Protein backbone atom coordinates (compact mmCIF):
# COMPACT_ATOMS: atom_id res chain seq x y z
CA MET A 1 -19.74 -42.96 -102.65
CA PRO A 2 -18.94 -39.25 -102.71
CA ASN A 3 -22.70 -38.56 -102.52
CA ASP A 4 -23.00 -40.54 -99.26
CA PRO A 5 -23.15 -38.10 -96.31
CA GLN A 6 -21.36 -40.66 -94.15
CA TRP A 7 -18.51 -41.20 -96.56
CA GLY A 8 -15.12 -40.11 -95.33
CA ARG A 9 -16.19 -40.10 -91.62
CA LYS A 10 -15.21 -42.25 -88.82
CA ASP A 11 -17.57 -43.32 -86.08
CA ASN A 12 -18.45 -40.62 -83.51
CA GLU A 13 -16.72 -37.92 -85.52
CA GLY A 14 -18.19 -34.66 -86.83
CA PRO A 15 -20.82 -32.31 -85.34
CA PRO A 16 -23.79 -33.90 -83.47
CA ASP A 17 -27.15 -34.20 -85.08
CA LEU A 18 -29.39 -31.37 -83.76
CA GLU A 19 -32.61 -33.18 -84.46
CA GLU A 20 -31.42 -36.27 -82.61
CA THR A 21 -30.47 -34.19 -79.58
CA LEU A 22 -33.84 -32.42 -79.57
CA ARG A 23 -35.66 -35.73 -79.86
CA LYS A 24 -33.86 -37.15 -76.84
CA LEU A 25 -34.63 -34.00 -74.83
CA GLN A 26 -38.30 -34.29 -75.73
CA GLN A 27 -38.36 -37.90 -74.64
CA LYS A 28 -36.87 -37.05 -71.26
CA LEU A 29 -39.31 -34.19 -70.68
CA ALA A 30 -42.20 -36.44 -71.68
CA GLU A 31 -41.07 -39.05 -69.20
CA LEU A 32 -40.80 -36.42 -66.47
CA LEU A 33 -44.20 -34.90 -67.14
CA GLY A 34 -45.91 -38.26 -67.72
CA LEU A 35 -47.04 -37.48 -71.23
CA ARG A 36 -46.69 -41.11 -72.29
CA ARG A 37 -49.20 -42.17 -69.66
CA ARG A 38 -51.64 -39.54 -70.80
CA GLY A 39 -51.74 -40.89 -74.36
CA VAL A 40 -49.53 -38.30 -76.08
CA PRO A 41 -47.57 -40.00 -78.87
CA PRO A 42 -43.82 -39.82 -78.69
CA PRO A 43 -42.02 -37.44 -80.99
CA PRO A 44 -41.28 -38.88 -84.43
CA SER A 45 -37.89 -40.27 -85.30
CA PRO A 46 -35.42 -38.13 -87.19
CA SER A 47 -35.85 -40.38 -90.23
CA GLY A 48 -39.40 -39.12 -90.74
CA GLY A 49 -39.93 -36.28 -93.11
CA ALA A 50 -42.25 -34.37 -90.82
CA ALA A 51 -39.65 -34.19 -88.08
CA ARG A 52 -37.00 -33.09 -90.44
CA SER A 53 -39.25 -30.44 -91.95
CA GLY A 54 -40.11 -28.84 -88.49
CA GLY A 55 -43.65 -30.18 -88.24
CA PRO A 56 -45.74 -31.17 -85.20
CA GLY A 57 -42.81 -32.74 -83.27
CA VAL A 58 -40.92 -29.48 -82.94
CA SER A 59 -44.06 -27.54 -81.96
CA GLY A 60 -44.85 -30.07 -79.19
CA GLY A 61 -41.34 -29.71 -77.76
CA ILE A 62 -41.63 -25.93 -77.62
CA ALA A 63 -45.00 -26.21 -75.83
CA ILE A 64 -43.53 -28.55 -73.25
CA LEU A 65 -40.64 -26.18 -72.68
CA ILE A 66 -43.08 -23.32 -72.18
CA LEU A 67 -45.04 -25.38 -69.68
CA VAL A 68 -41.88 -26.14 -67.75
CA ILE A 69 -40.96 -22.48 -67.66
CA VAL A 70 -44.45 -21.56 -66.45
CA ALA A 71 -44.32 -24.24 -63.75
CA VAL A 72 -40.96 -22.99 -62.51
CA TRP A 73 -42.27 -19.42 -62.50
CA LEU A 74 -45.34 -20.40 -60.49
CA ALA A 75 -43.22 -22.43 -58.09
CA SER A 76 -41.08 -19.35 -57.39
CA GLY A 77 -44.10 -17.81 -55.63
CA PHE A 78 -43.83 -20.15 -52.66
CA TYR A 79 -42.14 -18.72 -49.54
CA ILE A 80 -41.95 -19.52 -45.83
CA VAL A 81 -42.44 -17.00 -43.01
CA ASP A 82 -40.50 -18.01 -39.90
CA GLU A 83 -41.78 -17.70 -36.34
CA GLY A 84 -41.49 -14.18 -35.00
CA LYS A 85 -41.66 -12.66 -38.48
CA ARG A 86 -44.36 -11.26 -40.76
CA GLY A 87 -44.65 -11.29 -44.56
CA VAL A 88 -45.79 -8.09 -46.28
CA VAL A 89 -47.17 -8.87 -49.77
CA LEU A 90 -47.00 -6.14 -52.44
CA ARG A 91 -48.94 -6.28 -55.73
CA LEU A 92 -47.40 -4.07 -58.38
CA GLY A 93 -45.70 -2.11 -55.58
CA LYS A 94 -48.90 -1.55 -53.54
CA TYR A 95 -49.53 -3.07 -50.12
CA LEU A 96 -51.84 -6.08 -50.35
CA GLU A 97 -51.74 -8.05 -47.09
CA THR A 98 -49.63 -9.18 -44.11
CA THR A 99 -49.11 -12.92 -43.75
CA MET A 100 -48.49 -14.85 -40.57
CA PRO A 101 -45.75 -17.46 -39.95
CA GLY A 102 -45.93 -20.63 -42.08
CA PRO A 103 -45.69 -21.68 -45.76
CA ARG A 104 -47.26 -19.10 -48.10
CA TRP A 105 -47.68 -18.40 -51.81
CA HIS A 106 -48.04 -15.25 -53.85
CA VAL A 107 -48.15 -14.46 -57.53
CA PRO A 108 -44.52 -14.50 -58.59
CA TYR A 109 -42.45 -11.54 -59.67
CA PRO A 110 -43.06 -9.12 -61.31
CA VAL A 111 -46.75 -9.18 -60.39
CA GLU A 112 -46.32 -9.54 -56.61
CA GLY A 113 -43.45 -9.39 -54.17
CA VAL A 114 -43.00 -10.07 -50.47
CA GLU A 115 -40.99 -8.38 -47.73
CA VAL A 116 -40.30 -10.47 -44.59
CA VAL A 117 -40.05 -8.31 -41.44
CA ASP A 118 -38.68 -9.58 -38.12
CA VAL A 119 -41.10 -8.30 -35.46
CA SER A 120 -39.55 -10.18 -32.51
CA ARG A 121 -36.01 -8.80 -32.72
CA VAL A 122 -35.18 -6.07 -30.20
CA ARG A 123 -33.42 -3.17 -31.86
CA GLN A 124 -31.39 -0.54 -30.00
CA VAL A 125 -30.53 3.11 -30.54
CA GLU A 126 -27.86 4.90 -28.48
CA VAL A 127 -28.18 8.56 -27.50
CA GLY A 128 -25.21 10.52 -26.17
CA TYR A 129 -22.63 7.88 -27.08
CA ARG A 130 -21.79 5.33 -29.72
CA GLY A 131 -20.85 1.75 -28.88
CA ASN A 132 -19.00 2.59 -25.64
CA PRO A 133 -20.09 5.10 -22.97
CA LYS A 134 -16.59 6.59 -23.14
CA ASN A 135 -17.20 7.47 -26.78
CA LYS A 136 -19.40 10.43 -25.98
CA GLN A 137 -21.41 12.58 -28.35
CA PRO A 138 -21.57 16.00 -26.63
CA ALA A 139 -24.07 17.40 -29.12
CA GLU A 140 -26.58 14.76 -27.98
CA ALA A 141 -25.57 14.29 -24.34
CA LEU A 142 -25.46 17.86 -22.98
CA MET A 143 -28.88 19.18 -21.92
CA LEU A 144 -30.23 22.16 -20.00
CA THR A 145 -32.37 21.67 -16.88
CA ASP A 146 -35.18 23.81 -15.50
CA ASP A 147 -32.84 25.56 -13.01
CA GLU A 148 -30.45 26.53 -15.84
CA ASN A 149 -27.82 23.86 -15.17
CA ILE A 150 -26.21 21.54 -17.69
CA VAL A 151 -26.25 17.76 -17.31
CA ASP A 152 -24.61 15.01 -19.34
CA VAL A 153 -27.14 12.26 -20.13
CA GLN A 154 -26.39 8.96 -21.88
CA PHE A 155 -29.15 6.46 -22.48
CA ALA A 156 -30.17 3.62 -24.79
CA ILE A 157 -33.55 3.00 -26.44
CA GLN A 158 -34.75 -0.53 -27.18
CA TYR A 159 -37.70 -1.01 -29.52
CA THR A 160 -39.56 -3.62 -31.56
CA ILE A 161 -41.86 -3.51 -34.59
CA LYS A 162 -45.58 -3.69 -33.94
CA SER A 163 -46.89 -2.83 -37.45
CA PRO A 164 -44.78 -4.20 -40.33
CA GLU A 165 -46.66 -2.27 -43.04
CA ASP A 166 -46.23 1.07 -41.23
CA TYR A 167 -42.60 0.23 -40.54
CA LEU A 168 -41.91 -0.42 -44.25
CA PHE A 169 -43.94 2.33 -45.90
CA ASN A 170 -43.85 5.22 -43.36
CA ASN A 171 -40.16 4.98 -42.36
CA LYS A 172 -37.27 5.86 -44.60
CA ASN A 173 -34.66 5.35 -41.86
CA PRO A 174 -36.22 3.88 -38.68
CA ASP A 175 -33.12 4.21 -36.48
CA ASP A 176 -32.80 7.93 -37.29
CA ASN A 177 -36.48 8.46 -36.53
CA VAL A 178 -36.15 6.75 -33.15
CA LEU A 179 -32.96 8.70 -32.37
CA GLN A 180 -34.58 12.04 -33.15
CA ALA A 181 -37.72 11.20 -31.16
CA ALA A 182 -35.60 10.06 -28.20
CA GLU A 183 -33.47 13.20 -28.23
CA THR A 184 -36.54 15.41 -28.45
CA SER A 185 -38.26 13.59 -25.58
CA ILE A 186 -35.27 13.56 -23.22
CA ARG A 187 -34.62 17.26 -23.76
CA GLU A 188 -38.23 18.08 -22.98
CA VAL A 189 -38.32 15.96 -19.82
CA VAL A 190 -34.95 17.20 -18.54
CA GLY A 191 -35.83 20.79 -19.40
CA LYS A 192 -38.86 20.59 -17.08
CA SER A 193 -36.93 19.05 -14.15
CA LYS A 194 -34.46 20.32 -11.57
CA MET A 195 -30.85 19.23 -11.73
CA ASP A 196 -30.85 17.48 -8.33
CA PHE A 197 -34.00 15.59 -9.32
CA VAL A 198 -32.39 14.36 -12.54
CA LEU A 199 -29.08 13.41 -10.92
CA ASN A 200 -30.40 11.63 -7.83
CA GLN A 201 -33.89 10.39 -7.05
CA GLY A 202 -35.71 11.15 -10.30
CA ARG A 203 -33.92 8.88 -12.76
CA SER A 204 -36.70 6.30 -12.96
CA GLU A 205 -39.33 9.01 -13.41
CA VAL A 206 -37.26 10.64 -16.15
CA ALA A 207 -36.93 7.30 -17.98
CA PHE A 208 -40.69 6.68 -17.71
CA GLY A 209 -41.48 10.16 -19.00
CA VAL A 210 -39.12 9.78 -21.96
CA LYS A 211 -40.65 6.42 -22.91
CA LYS A 212 -44.20 7.76 -22.76
CA LEU A 213 -43.38 10.89 -24.76
CA MET A 214 -41.39 8.94 -27.37
CA GLN A 215 -44.19 6.44 -27.91
CA GLY A 216 -46.65 9.28 -28.45
CA ILE A 217 -44.41 10.90 -31.08
CA LEU A 218 -43.78 7.64 -32.95
CA ASP A 219 -47.47 6.71 -32.92
CA ARG A 220 -48.43 10.13 -34.21
CA TYR A 221 -46.14 9.65 -37.20
CA ARG A 222 -47.38 6.02 -37.70
CA THR A 223 -43.92 4.51 -37.66
CA GLY A 224 -45.09 1.08 -36.48
CA ILE A 225 -42.45 1.07 -33.70
CA ASN A 226 -43.04 0.05 -30.08
CA VAL A 227 -40.60 1.44 -27.47
CA THR A 228 -39.92 -1.30 -24.93
CA THR A 229 -37.18 0.07 -22.65
CA VAL A 230 -35.41 3.35 -21.90
CA ASN A 231 -32.13 2.69 -20.03
CA LEU A 232 -30.41 5.69 -18.43
CA LEU A 233 -26.77 4.63 -18.41
CA ALA A 234 -25.19 7.82 -17.04
CA VAL A 235 -26.61 11.07 -15.70
CA GLN A 236 -23.91 13.39 -14.42
CA ALA A 237 -22.56 16.89 -14.51
CA PRO A 238 -20.24 17.94 -17.35
CA GLU A 239 -16.60 16.91 -17.03
CA GLN A 240 -15.46 20.51 -16.49
CA VAL A 241 -17.38 20.80 -13.20
CA GLN A 242 -17.47 17.13 -12.23
CA ALA A 243 -15.23 17.56 -9.15
CA ALA A 244 -17.38 20.35 -7.72
CA PHE A 245 -20.54 18.37 -8.22
CA GLU A 246 -19.00 15.34 -6.56
CA ASP A 247 -18.30 17.51 -3.51
CA VAL A 248 -21.91 18.65 -3.53
CA VAL A 249 -23.10 15.06 -3.77
CA ARG A 250 -20.86 14.00 -0.87
CA ALA A 251 -22.14 16.92 1.21
CA GLY A 252 -25.69 15.84 0.50
CA GLN A 253 -24.86 12.29 1.50
CA ASP A 254 -23.28 13.52 4.74
CA ARG A 255 -26.36 15.58 5.44
CA GLU A 256 -28.60 12.57 4.97
CA ARG A 257 -26.30 10.49 7.19
CA PHE A 258 -26.41 13.08 9.97
CA LYS A 259 -30.17 13.32 9.66
CA ASN A 260 -30.44 9.56 9.96
CA GLU A 261 -28.16 9.51 13.00
CA GLY A 262 -30.16 12.29 14.64
CA GLN A 263 -33.37 10.50 13.90
CA ALA A 264 -31.97 7.30 15.39
CA TYR A 265 -30.91 9.17 18.54
CA ALA A 266 -34.33 10.79 18.78
CA ASN A 267 -35.98 7.40 18.36
CA ASP A 268 -33.89 6.16 21.29
CA VAL A 269 -34.29 9.15 23.63
CA VAL A 270 -37.86 10.24 23.03
CA PRO A 271 -39.50 6.92 24.05
CA LYS A 272 -37.42 6.85 27.24
CA ALA A 273 -38.35 10.43 28.06
CA ARG A 274 -41.99 9.68 27.41
CA GLY A 275 -41.77 6.64 29.67
CA VAL A 276 -40.17 8.69 32.48
CA SER A 277 -42.77 11.40 31.99
CA ALA A 278 -45.60 8.89 32.20
CA ARG A 279 -44.08 7.34 35.32
CA LEU A 280 -43.72 10.75 37.02
CA LEU A 281 -47.27 11.64 36.11
CA GLN A 282 -48.54 8.38 37.56
CA GLU A 283 -46.48 8.87 40.71
CA ALA A 284 -47.78 12.43 41.03
CA ASP A 285 -51.35 11.20 40.57
CA GLY A 286 -50.76 8.54 43.22
CA TYR A 287 -49.19 11.05 45.63
CA ARG A 288 -52.06 13.46 45.07
CA ALA A 289 -54.60 10.74 45.71
CA SER A 290 -52.69 9.68 48.86
CA VAL A 291 -52.48 13.24 50.21
CA VAL A 292 -56.11 13.96 49.46
CA SER A 293 -57.21 10.71 51.08
CA THR A 294 -55.03 11.37 54.13
CA ALA A 295 -56.35 14.92 54.47
CA GLN A 296 -59.91 13.74 54.10
CA GLY A 297 -59.31 11.04 56.71
CA ASP A 298 -57.68 13.53 59.11
CA ALA A 299 -60.52 15.98 58.60
CA SER A 300 -63.09 13.27 59.27
CA ARG A 301 -61.21 12.10 62.36
CA PHE A 302 -60.91 15.70 63.59
CA ARG A 303 -64.63 16.24 63.19
CA GLN A 304 -65.31 13.06 65.18
CA ILE A 305 -62.88 14.14 67.91
CA LEU A 306 -64.46 17.60 67.99
CA ALA A 307 -67.89 16.10 68.52
CA GLU A 308 -66.57 14.01 71.41
CA TYR A 309 -64.64 16.96 72.81
CA GLU A 310 -67.75 19.06 72.93
CA LYS A 311 -69.44 16.33 74.95
CA ALA A 312 -66.60 15.81 77.53
CA PRO A 313 -63.70 18.26 77.11
CA ALA A 314 -61.61 17.05 80.10
CA ILE A 315 -61.84 13.38 79.28
CA THR A 316 -61.20 13.97 75.62
CA ARG A 317 -58.20 16.15 76.37
CA GLU A 318 -56.83 13.54 78.77
CA ARG A 319 -57.34 10.83 76.17
CA MET A 320 -55.64 12.87 73.46
CA TYR A 321 -52.70 13.50 75.74
CA LEU A 322 -52.32 9.79 76.52
CA ASP A 323 -52.58 8.82 72.84
CA THR A 324 -50.01 11.42 71.88
CA MET A 325 -47.56 10.33 74.54
CA GLN A 326 -48.08 6.71 73.57
CA GLN A 327 -47.24 7.48 69.96
CA ILE A 328 -44.15 9.49 70.94
CA LEU A 329 -42.79 7.08 73.53
CA ALA A 330 -43.44 4.00 71.39
CA ALA A 331 -40.62 4.96 69.00
CA THR A 332 -38.04 6.16 71.56
CA SER A 333 -35.87 4.72 74.31
CA LYS A 334 -37.45 5.28 77.71
CA VAL A 335 -35.55 6.09 80.90
CA LEU A 336 -37.25 6.78 84.25
CA VAL A 337 -35.53 9.47 86.40
CA GLU A 338 -36.66 10.80 89.80
CA PRO A 339 -34.97 14.13 90.52
CA HIS A 340 -37.24 15.36 93.41
CA THR A 341 -36.29 12.78 96.01
CA GLY A 342 -33.30 13.10 98.26
CA GLN A 343 -32.11 9.73 97.18
CA ASN A 344 -29.45 8.97 94.63
CA LEU A 345 -30.24 8.94 90.88
CA LEU A 346 -32.58 6.13 89.90
CA TYR A 347 -32.17 4.87 86.30
CA LEU A 348 -34.68 2.39 84.82
CA PRO A 349 -34.02 1.29 81.22
CA ILE A 350 -37.59 0.32 80.46
CA ASP A 351 -36.96 -0.56 76.79
CA ARG A 352 -34.25 -3.03 77.78
CA LEU A 353 -36.51 -4.54 80.41
CA LEU A 354 -39.21 -5.04 77.80
CA ARG A 355 -36.78 -6.66 75.35
CA GLN A 356 -35.46 -8.95 78.04
CA SER A 357 -38.93 -9.94 79.09
CA SER A 358 -39.86 -10.82 75.50
CA ALA A 359 -36.60 -12.68 74.89
CA GLN A 360 -36.88 -14.63 78.16
CA PRO A 361 -40.53 -15.50 78.81
CA ASP A 362 -39.65 -18.03 81.49
CA VAL A 363 -38.52 -15.69 84.27
CA ALA A 364 -38.56 -18.37 86.93
CA SER A 365 -36.12 -20.69 85.16
CA ALA A 366 -33.81 -17.97 83.81
CA THR A 367 -31.58 -15.68 85.79
CA PRO A 368 -32.55 -12.09 85.01
CA GLU A 369 -29.86 -9.64 84.13
CA PRO A 370 -29.67 -6.70 86.58
CA SER A 371 -31.57 -3.87 84.96
CA ILE A 372 -31.53 -1.35 87.81
CA ARG A 373 -28.40 0.60 88.38
CA VAL A 374 -28.20 2.46 91.71
CA SER A 375 -25.42 4.56 93.11
CA PRO A 376 -23.33 2.77 95.74
CA THR A 377 -25.05 4.45 98.71
CA PRO A 378 -26.99 2.96 101.59
CA GLU A 379 -30.25 4.40 100.31
CA SER A 380 -29.80 3.16 96.74
CA SER A 381 -31.79 0.00 97.31
CA SER A 382 -35.04 1.82 97.93
CA ILE A 383 -37.48 1.62 94.99
CA PRO A 384 -40.46 3.99 94.78
CA GLY A 385 -43.86 2.46 95.27
CA PRO A 386 -47.08 2.93 93.34
CA ALA A 387 -48.13 5.96 95.34
CA ASP A 388 -44.88 7.73 94.60
CA ILE A 389 -45.24 6.94 90.91
CA ALA A 390 -48.79 8.38 90.86
CA THR A 391 -47.59 11.50 92.64
CA ARG A 392 -44.78 11.94 90.15
CA ARG A 393 -47.16 11.49 87.23
CA ASP A 394 -49.47 14.20 88.60
CA SER A 395 -46.53 16.53 89.00
CA LEU A 396 -45.47 15.90 85.42
CA ARG A 397 -48.98 16.67 84.17
CA SER A 398 -49.21 19.87 86.20
CA ARG A 399 -45.81 20.95 84.88
CA ASP A 400 -46.91 20.21 81.36
CA ARG A 401 -50.07 22.34 81.87
CA ASP A 402 -47.99 25.17 83.27
CA SER A 403 -45.71 25.07 80.26
CA ARG A 404 -48.73 25.29 77.94
């Protein structure tokens, strides 16, 4: 009994049997890999001498373990590239290829490796401040303009990656490269511009010039970076002279306001003046045409009268006299007075008689208003006859000729 290896033991006591444990492990691996279905015999039992002596059973288990390790190693070469990213594959440290989004595989480490680069993320670099515009960096923000003035410029650069391989292999510190290129570009653009241009109307042009110059520098160094936006956050005078520059800016704004007001007043007054001028010119042209036409008509009428006068001077003169008197007396009140007779004053309001005759056409039915006023004398009722009137007219004509 002392020679029995199981003597003196209880069940499940003592160290486990190594061969039994290995056999069970081999059985499980065979089941996983399907070796039973492929016709590979199961490992021998621990009671067999070959298994105990480290024969073919132990060698098959080591081979299976090696296969498992190789399968796990090959499976470690699978990787997934997300949307918006690129995979850069390196073989023994040298660039091999750039893979697009999706499931990919490469020879596992240490033969090949992969670097996944996010090309869709927008990165930002701040120049002249850090984090908050109040946290200024004077060494970066203060710049000299073309007219020898100093301005304080704060701006932010946003960029993306357009070439992952250049970004990985030609850049040691991409943010520092972008910062240095941005500072170089802004100093060159501001140094070629006037201070008023940078502070007021030229901010968009300055930003465009900085972006273009930066992109040229980064492309020349093959950094694989694409500058998307240059945002000028603050462009102002230094704090020491800020108050004086604010006064200058307000004065400029007042000047522009006064210019606009003057222009508005001119836009209101000038059209009116031009309208009045055009109206006066048209009235003058009309008056000139009227005067010229009247003069031409008078000259033509005078020539006609002259021709008739040369034919019959006396008759023409008499006719002209009658026409003239008719024109004069037609617009005046007419009173007939006889001073040469020995009778009292005779007064005939002819204009009133004419108005009464037109207002009362029916003389027979209406009672005429007395229109002859005579002095209260016995001879006042005598009215001159036609012969007396003719005589008086001749005397008036002779007196008029004597006065001429």
